[in-house]
Amino acid sequence: MENRILGLGSQFPIFEKTAVVSLEKGKEFATISNKDYQDAGLWTVMFWWPKDFTFVCPTEIAEFNKHAEDFKDRDAALIGASTDSEFVHLAWRNNHDDLRGLTFPMLADTSKSLAAELGILEANEKIAYRATFIADPQGVIRWVSVNDLSVGRNVKEVLRVLDALQTDELCPCNWEKGQATIKA
């Protein structure tokens, strides 16, 4: 079966899913929806990992968390996601030193419906590829990056691309925030 990854210019699917948002007893879970972020005029950065309790995934999740304020400063909602349940997410956060202090939601796509709509389900195990989507405040996908299961992504590159997209100008190769854009 061939993946058809939802691409640039497509509307990010509207979702309402359970996520782990805290380790505080009785406040661990919340229902989140990208409609809420769009209504607030925020960009959305959603990154997916294959499985909880694995090896590459926590390095990425921890790195995204180190830069959570950078995303917030750019009016971007950061959401982590996998096809594991909210209970598995919570157990992982409680059992992994690097994940206890997360400041963004860990979305549980247990039905795999959102991952399927995005076209990022691996064919055999039906787990998500390492995909990252940036959607503008109108919910239009402006950037997609998908890595094979064994290769972690570069969080600073996600921030660089977000910065470039938010200029709404032409940005040359290796452009970084603060540098001149191209005037056509």
C-alpha atoms as a PDB file:
ATOM      1  CA  MET A   1       0.000   0.000   0.000  1.00  0.00           C
ATOM      2  CA  GLU A   2       1.331   3.393  -1.010  1.00  0.00           C
ATOM      3  CA  ASN A   3       1.293   6.371   1.368  1.00  0.00           C
ATOM      4  CA  ARG A   4      -0.239   9.560   0.054  1.00  0.00           C
ATOM      5  CA  ILE A   5       1.072  12.147   2.452  1.00  0.00           C
ATOM      6  CA  LEU A   6      -1.098  15.224   2.765  1.00  0.00           C
ATOM      7  CA  GLY A   7       0.935  17.978   1.201  1.00  0.00           C
ATOM      8  CA  LEU A   8       1.467  21.665   0.804  1.00  0.00           C
ATOM      9  CA  GLY A   9      -1.616  23.767   0.330  1.00  0.00           C
ATOM     10  CA  SER A  10      -3.888  21.084   1.770  1.00  0.00           C
ATOM     11  CA  GLN A  11      -6.124  21.838   4.706  1.00  0.00           C
ATOM     12  CA  PHE A  12      -4.834  20.126   7.849  1.00  0.00           C
ATOM     13  CA  PRO A  13      -7.596  17.741   8.979  1.00  0.00           C
ATOM     14  CA  ILE A  14      -9.731  19.062  11.824  1.00  0.00           C
ATOM     15  CA  PHE A  15      -9.197  16.829  14.837  1.00  0.00           C
ATOM     16  CA  GLU A  16     -10.356  16.497  18.406  1.00  0.00           C
ATOM     17  CA  LYS A  17      -8.216  14.054  20.368  1.00  0.00           C
ATOM     18  CA  THR A  18      -7.194  13.231  23.919  1.00  0.00           C
ATOM     19  CA  ALA A  19      -3.737  14.358  24.938  1.00  0.00           C
ATOM     20  CA  VAL A  20      -1.522  14.186  27.992  1.00  0.00           C
ATOM     21  CA  VAL A  21      -1.078  17.774  29.153  1.00  0.00           C
ATOM     22  CA  SER A  22       0.131  17.409  32.751  1.00  0.00           C
ATOM     23  CA  LEU A  23       1.464  15.000  35.340  1.00  0.00           C
ATOM     24  CA  GLU A  24      -0.714  16.556  38.041  1.00  0.00           C
ATOM     25  CA  LYS A  25      -3.206  14.040  39.462  1.00  0.00           C
ATOM     26  CA  GLY A  26      -6.659  14.593  37.975  1.00  0.00           C
ATOM     27  CA  LYS A  27      -5.360  17.030  35.327  1.00  0.00           C
ATOM     28  CA  GLU A  28      -3.327  14.634  33.184  1.00  0.00           C
ATOM     29  CA  PHE A  29      -5.650  14.561  30.160  1.00  0.00           C
ATOM     30  CA  ALA A  30      -7.416  17.121  28.010  1.00  0.00           C
ATOM     31  CA  THR A  31      -9.227  17.089  24.713  1.00  0.00           C
ATOM     32  CA  ILE A  32      -7.416  19.243  22.177  1.00  0.00           C
ATOM     33  CA  SER A  33      -8.492  20.411  18.751  1.00  0.00           C
ATOM     34  CA  ASN A  34      -6.586  22.287  16.093  1.00  0.00           C
ATOM     35  CA  LYS A  35      -9.746  24.357  15.592  1.00  0.00           C
ATOM     36  CA  ASP A  36      -8.980  25.962  18.976  1.00  0.00           C
ATOM     37  CA  TYR A  37      -5.505  26.964  17.772  1.00  0.00           C
ATOM     38  CA  GLN A  38      -6.836  28.285  14.476  1.00  0.00           C
ATOM     39  CA  ASP A  39      -9.523  30.294  16.288  1.00  0.00           C
ATOM     40  CA  ALA A  40      -6.732  31.814  18.407  1.00  0.00           C
ATOM     41  CA  GLY A  41      -4.806  32.783  15.237  1.00  0.00           C
ATOM     42  CA  LEU A  42      -1.905  30.432  15.969  1.00  0.00           C
ATOM     43  CA  TRP A  43       0.332  28.471  13.657  1.00  0.00           C
ATOM     44  CA  THR A  44       0.374  24.745  14.420  1.00  0.00           C
ATOM     45  CA  VAL A  45       3.499  22.598  14.494  1.00  0.00           C
ATOM     46  CA  MET A  46       2.639  18.929  14.901  1.00  0.00           C
ATOM     47  CA  PHE A  47       5.384  16.352  15.071  1.00  0.00           C
ATOM     48  CA  TRP A  48       4.824  12.593  15.093  1.00  0.00           C
ATOM     49  CA  TRP A  49       6.954   9.755  16.422  1.00  0.00           C
ATOM     50  CA  PRO A  50       6.524   6.012  15.860  1.00  0.00           C
ATOM     51  CA  LYS A  51       6.266   4.516  19.360  1.00  0.00           C
ATOM     52  CA  ASP A  52       6.525   5.440  23.006  1.00  0.00           C
ATOM     53  CA  PHE A  53       9.154   3.688  25.131  1.00  0.00           C
ATOM     54  CA  THR A  54      11.682   3.639  22.290  1.00  0.00           C
ATOM     55  CA  PHE A  55      15.134   5.129  21.772  1.00  0.00           C
ATOM     56  CA  VAL A  56      15.219   7.876  19.125  1.00  0.00           C
ATOM     57  CA  CYS A  57      11.788   9.306  19.979  1.00  0.00           C
ATOM     58  CA  PRO A  58      12.577  10.710  23.448  1.00  0.00           C
ATOM     59  CA  THR A  59      15.635  12.527  22.093  1.00  0.00           C
ATOM     60  CA  GLU A  60      13.398  14.380  19.657  1.00  0.00           C
ATOM     61  CA  ILE A  61      10.599  15.028  22.132  1.00  0.00           C
ATOM     62  CA  ALA A  62      13.060  16.412  24.696  1.00  0.00           C
ATOM     63  CA  GLU A  63      14.661  18.636  22.042  1.00  0.00           C
ATOM     64  CA  PHE A  64      11.280  20.007  20.957  1.00  0.00           C
ATOM     65  CA  ASN A  65      10.557  20.719  24.626  1.00  0.00           C
ATOM     66  CA  LYS A  66      13.862  22.622  24.997  1.00  0.00           C
ATOM     67  CA  HIS A  67      12.578  24.889  22.212  1.00  0.00           C
ATOM     68  CA  ALA A  68       8.918  25.053  23.292  1.00  0.00           C
ATOM     69  CA  GLU A  69       9.224  28.723  24.251  1.00  0.00           C
ATOM     70  CA  ASP A  70      10.753  29.470  20.836  1.00  0.00           C
ATOM     71  CA  PHE A  71       7.623  28.068  19.187  1.00  0.00           C
ATOM     72  CA  LYS A  72       5.383  29.965  21.602  1.00  0.00           C
ATOM     73  CA  ASP A  73       7.287  33.196  20.839  1.00  0.00           C
ATOM     74  CA  ARG A  74       6.427  32.612  17.168  1.00  0.00           C
ATOM     75  CA  ASP A  75       2.687  32.252  17.896  1.00  0.00           C
ATOM     76  CA  ALA A  76       2.884  28.538  17.141  1.00  0.00           C
ATOM     77  CA  ALA A  77       1.154  25.768  19.056  1.00  0.00           C
ATOM     78  CA  LEU A  78       3.476  22.778  19.431  1.00  0.00           C
ATOM     79  CA  ILE A  79       1.853  19.336  19.551  1.00  0.00           C
ATOM     80  CA  GLY A  80       3.581  15.967  19.777  1.00  0.00           C
ATOM     81  CA  ALA A  81       1.699  12.890  18.577  1.00  0.00           C
ATOM     82  CA  SER A  82       1.822   9.153  18.098  1.00  0.00           C
ATOM     83  CA  THR A  83      -0.643   6.309  17.711  1.00  0.00           C
ATOM     84  CA  ASP A  84      -0.069   5.207  21.303  1.00  0.00           C
ATOM     85  CA  SER A  85      -2.821   5.780  23.886  1.00  0.00           C
ATOM     86  CA  GLU A  86      -2.924   8.640  26.348  1.00  0.00           C
ATOM     87  CA  PHE A  87      -2.277   6.086  29.123  1.00  0.00           C
ATOM     88  CA  VAL A  88       0.909   4.882  27.444  1.00  0.00           C
ATOM     89  CA  HIS A  89       1.967   8.523  26.937  1.00  0.00           C
ATOM     90  CA  LEU A  90       1.373   9.230  30.628  1.00  0.00           C
ATOM     91  CA  ALA A  91       3.285   6.144  31.760  1.00  0.00           C
ATOM     92  CA  TRP A  92       6.188   7.094  29.480  1.00  0.00           C
ATOM     93  CA  ARG A  93       6.271  10.663  30.785  1.00  0.00           C
ATOM     94  CA  ASN A  94       6.218   9.400  34.370  1.00  0.00           C
ATOM     95  CA  ASN A  95       9.027   6.910  33.677  1.00  0.00           C
ATOM     96  CA  HIS A  96      11.416   8.974  31.545  1.00  0.00           C
ATOM     97  CA  ASP A  97      13.456  11.792  33.106  1.00  0.00           C
ATOM     98  CA  ASP A  98      13.572  13.806  29.870  1.00  0.00           C
ATOM     99  CA  LEU A  99       9.789  13.722  29.409  1.00  0.00           C
ATOM    100  CA  ARG A 100       8.441  14.651  32.839  1.00  0.00           C
ATOM    101  CA  GLY A 101       8.643  18.398  32.270  1.00  0.00           C
ATOM    102  CA  LEU A 102       7.013  18.596  28.844  1.00  0.00           C
ATOM    103  CA  THR A 103       5.169  21.835  28.207  1.00  0.00           C
ATOM    104  CA  PHE A 104       3.242  20.755  25.112  1.00  0.00           C
ATOM    105  CA  PRO A 105       0.494  18.148  24.672  1.00  0.00           C
ATOM    106  CA  MET A 106       1.225  14.540  23.715  1.00  0.00           C
ATOM    107  CA  LEU A 107      -1.680  13.693  21.426  1.00  0.00           C
ATOM    108  CA  ALA A 108      -3.009  10.120  21.394  1.00  0.00           C
ATOM    109  CA  ASP A 109      -4.237   9.011  17.971  1.00  0.00           C
ATOM    110  CA  THR A 110      -5.310   5.548  19.130  1.00  0.00           C
ATOM    111  CA  SER A 111      -7.799   5.176  16.274  1.00  0.00           C
ATOM    112  CA  LYS A 112      -4.940   6.044  13.886  1.00  0.00           C
ATOM    113  CA  SER A 113      -7.501   8.134  12.004  1.00  0.00           C
ATOM    114  CA  LEU A 114      -5.502  11.380  11.990  1.00  0.00           C
ATOM    115  CA  ALA A 115      -2.260   9.628  11.027  1.00  0.00           C
ATOM    116  CA  ALA A 116      -4.161   7.870   8.213  1.00  0.00           C
ATOM    117  CA  GLU A 117      -5.682  11.152   6.985  1.00  0.00           C
ATOM    118  CA  LEU A 118      -2.210  12.674   6.964  1.00  0.00           C
ATOM    119  CA  GLY A 119      -0.861   9.654   5.044  1.00  0.00           C
ATOM    120  CA  ILE A 120       1.927   8.919   7.530  1.00  0.00           C
ATOM    121  CA  LEU A 121       1.094   5.380   8.695  1.00  0.00           C
ATOM    122  CA  GLU A 122       3.830   2.826   8.116  1.00  0.00           C
ATOM    123  CA  ALA A 123       2.320  -0.020   6.081  1.00  0.00           C
ATOM    124  CA  ASN A 124       3.228  -3.041   8.230  1.00  0.00           C
ATOM    125  CA  GLU A 125       2.953  -1.963  11.865  1.00  0.00           C
ATOM    126  CA  LYS A 126       0.512   0.928  11.286  1.00  0.00           C
ATOM    127  CA  ILE A 127       2.638   3.297  13.353  1.00  0.00           C
ATOM    128  CA  ALA A 128       3.359   6.890  12.380  1.00  0.00           C
ATOM    129  CA  TYR A 129       6.463   7.902  10.506  1.00  0.00           C
ATOM    130  CA  ARG A 130       8.568  10.727  11.962  1.00  0.00           C
ATOM    131  CA  ALA A 131       6.514  13.430  10.302  1.00  0.00           C
ATOM    132  CA  THR A 132       6.393  17.149  11.015  1.00  0.00           C
ATOM    133  CA  PHE A 133       3.674  19.457   9.736  1.00  0.00           C
ATOM    134  CA  ILE A 134       3.530  23.237   9.920  1.00  0.00           C
ATOM    135  CA  ALA A 135       0.084  24.715   9.321  1.00  0.00           C
ATOM    136  CA  ASP A 136      -0.662  28.429   9.169  1.00  0.00           C
ATOM    137  CA  PRO A 137      -3.401  30.049  11.281  1.00  0.00           C
ATOM    138  CA  GLN A 138      -5.962  29.189   8.588  1.00  0.00           C
ATOM    139  CA  GLY A 139      -5.015  25.501   8.895  1.00  0.00           C
ATOM    140  CA  VAL A 140      -3.264  25.332   5.516  1.00  0.00           C
ATOM    141  CA  ILE A 141      -0.252  23.004   5.472  1.00  0.00           C
ATOM    142  CA  ARG A 142       2.796  25.092   4.599  1.00  0.00           C
ATOM    143  CA  TRP A 143       5.579  22.554   5.286  1.00  0.00           C
ATOM    144  CA  VAL A 144       5.870  18.784   5.627  1.00  0.00           C
ATOM    145  CA  SER A 145       8.922  16.753   6.506  1.00  0.00           C
ATOM    146  CA  VAL A 146       8.918  12.968   6.901  1.00  0.00           C
ATOM    147  CA  ASN A 147      11.837  10.859   8.082  1.00  0.00           C
ATOM    148  CA  ASP A 148      12.218   7.117   8.020  1.00  0.00           C
ATOM    149  CA  LEU A 149      11.626   5.421  11.361  1.00  0.00           C
ATOM    150  CA  SER A 150      15.311   5.221  12.303  1.00  0.00           C
ATOM    151  CA  VAL A 151      16.297   8.860  11.687  1.00  0.00           C
ATOM    152  CA  GLY A 152      15.627  11.699  14.113  1.00  0.00           C
ATOM    153  CA  ARG A 153      14.805  15.190  12.907  1.00  0.00           C
ATOM    154  CA  ASN A 154      16.417  18.587  13.473  1.00  0.00           C
ATOM    155  CA  VAL A 155      14.262  20.860  15.673  1.00  0.00           C
ATOM    156  CA  LYS A 156      16.297  23.960  14.784  1.00  0.00           C
ATOM    157  CA  GLU A 157      15.450  23.334  11.119  1.00  0.00           C
ATOM    158  CA  VAL A 158      11.742  23.228  11.985  1.00  0.00           C
ATOM    159  CA  LEU A 159      12.129  26.612  13.712  1.00  0.00           C
ATOM    160  CA  ARG A 160      14.121  27.996  10.766  1.00  0.00           C
ATOM    161  CA  VAL A 161      11.394  26.967   8.323  1.00  0.00           C
ATOM    162  CA  LEU A 162       8.678  28.398  10.583  1.00  0.00           C
ATOM    163  CA  ASP A 163      10.591  31.695  10.711  1.00  0.00           C
ATOM    164  CA  ALA A 164      10.921  31.722   6.927  1.00  0.00           C
ATOM    165  CA  LEU A 165       7.237  30.953   6.381  1.00  0.00           C
ATOM    166  CA  GLN A 166       6.221  33.702   8.760  1.00  0.00           C
ATOM    167  CA  THR A 167       8.156  36.327   6.777  1.00  0.00           C
ATOM    168  CA  ASP A 168       5.822  35.652   3.833  1.00  0.00           C
ATOM    169  CA  GLU A 169       8.791  36.641   1.661  1.00  0.00           C
ATOM    170  CA  LEU A 170      11.347  34.857  -0.518  1.00  0.00           C
ATOM    171  CA  CYS A 171      14.015  33.268   1.680  1.00  0.00           C
ATOM    172  CA  PRO A 172      17.255  32.013   0.105  1.00  0.00           C
ATOM    173  CA  CYS A 173      19.048  28.754   0.870  1.00  0.00           C
ATOM    174  CA  ASN A 174      20.189  28.486   4.504  1.00  0.00           C
ATOM    175  CA  TRP A 175      18.289  31.674   5.377  1.00  0.00           C
ATOM    176  CA  GLU A 176      17.990  32.356   9.108  1.00  0.00           C
ATOM    177  CA  LYS A 177      15.873  34.798  11.073  1.00  0.00           C
ATOM    178  CA  GLY A 178      17.364  38.278  10.957  1.00  0.00           C
ATOM    179  CA  GLN A 179      18.976  37.835   7.540  1.00  0.00           C
ATOM    180  CA  ALA A 180      17.797  39.684   4.447  1.00  0.00           C
ATOM    181  CA  THR A 181      15.096  38.132   2.314  1.00  0.00           C
ATOM    182  CA  ILE A 182      15.072  38.299  -1.482  1.00  0.00           C
ATOM    183  CA  LYS A 183      13.278  41.218  -3.081  1.00  0.00           C
ATOM    184  CA  ALA A 184      11.906  40.118  -6.464  1.00  0.00           C
END
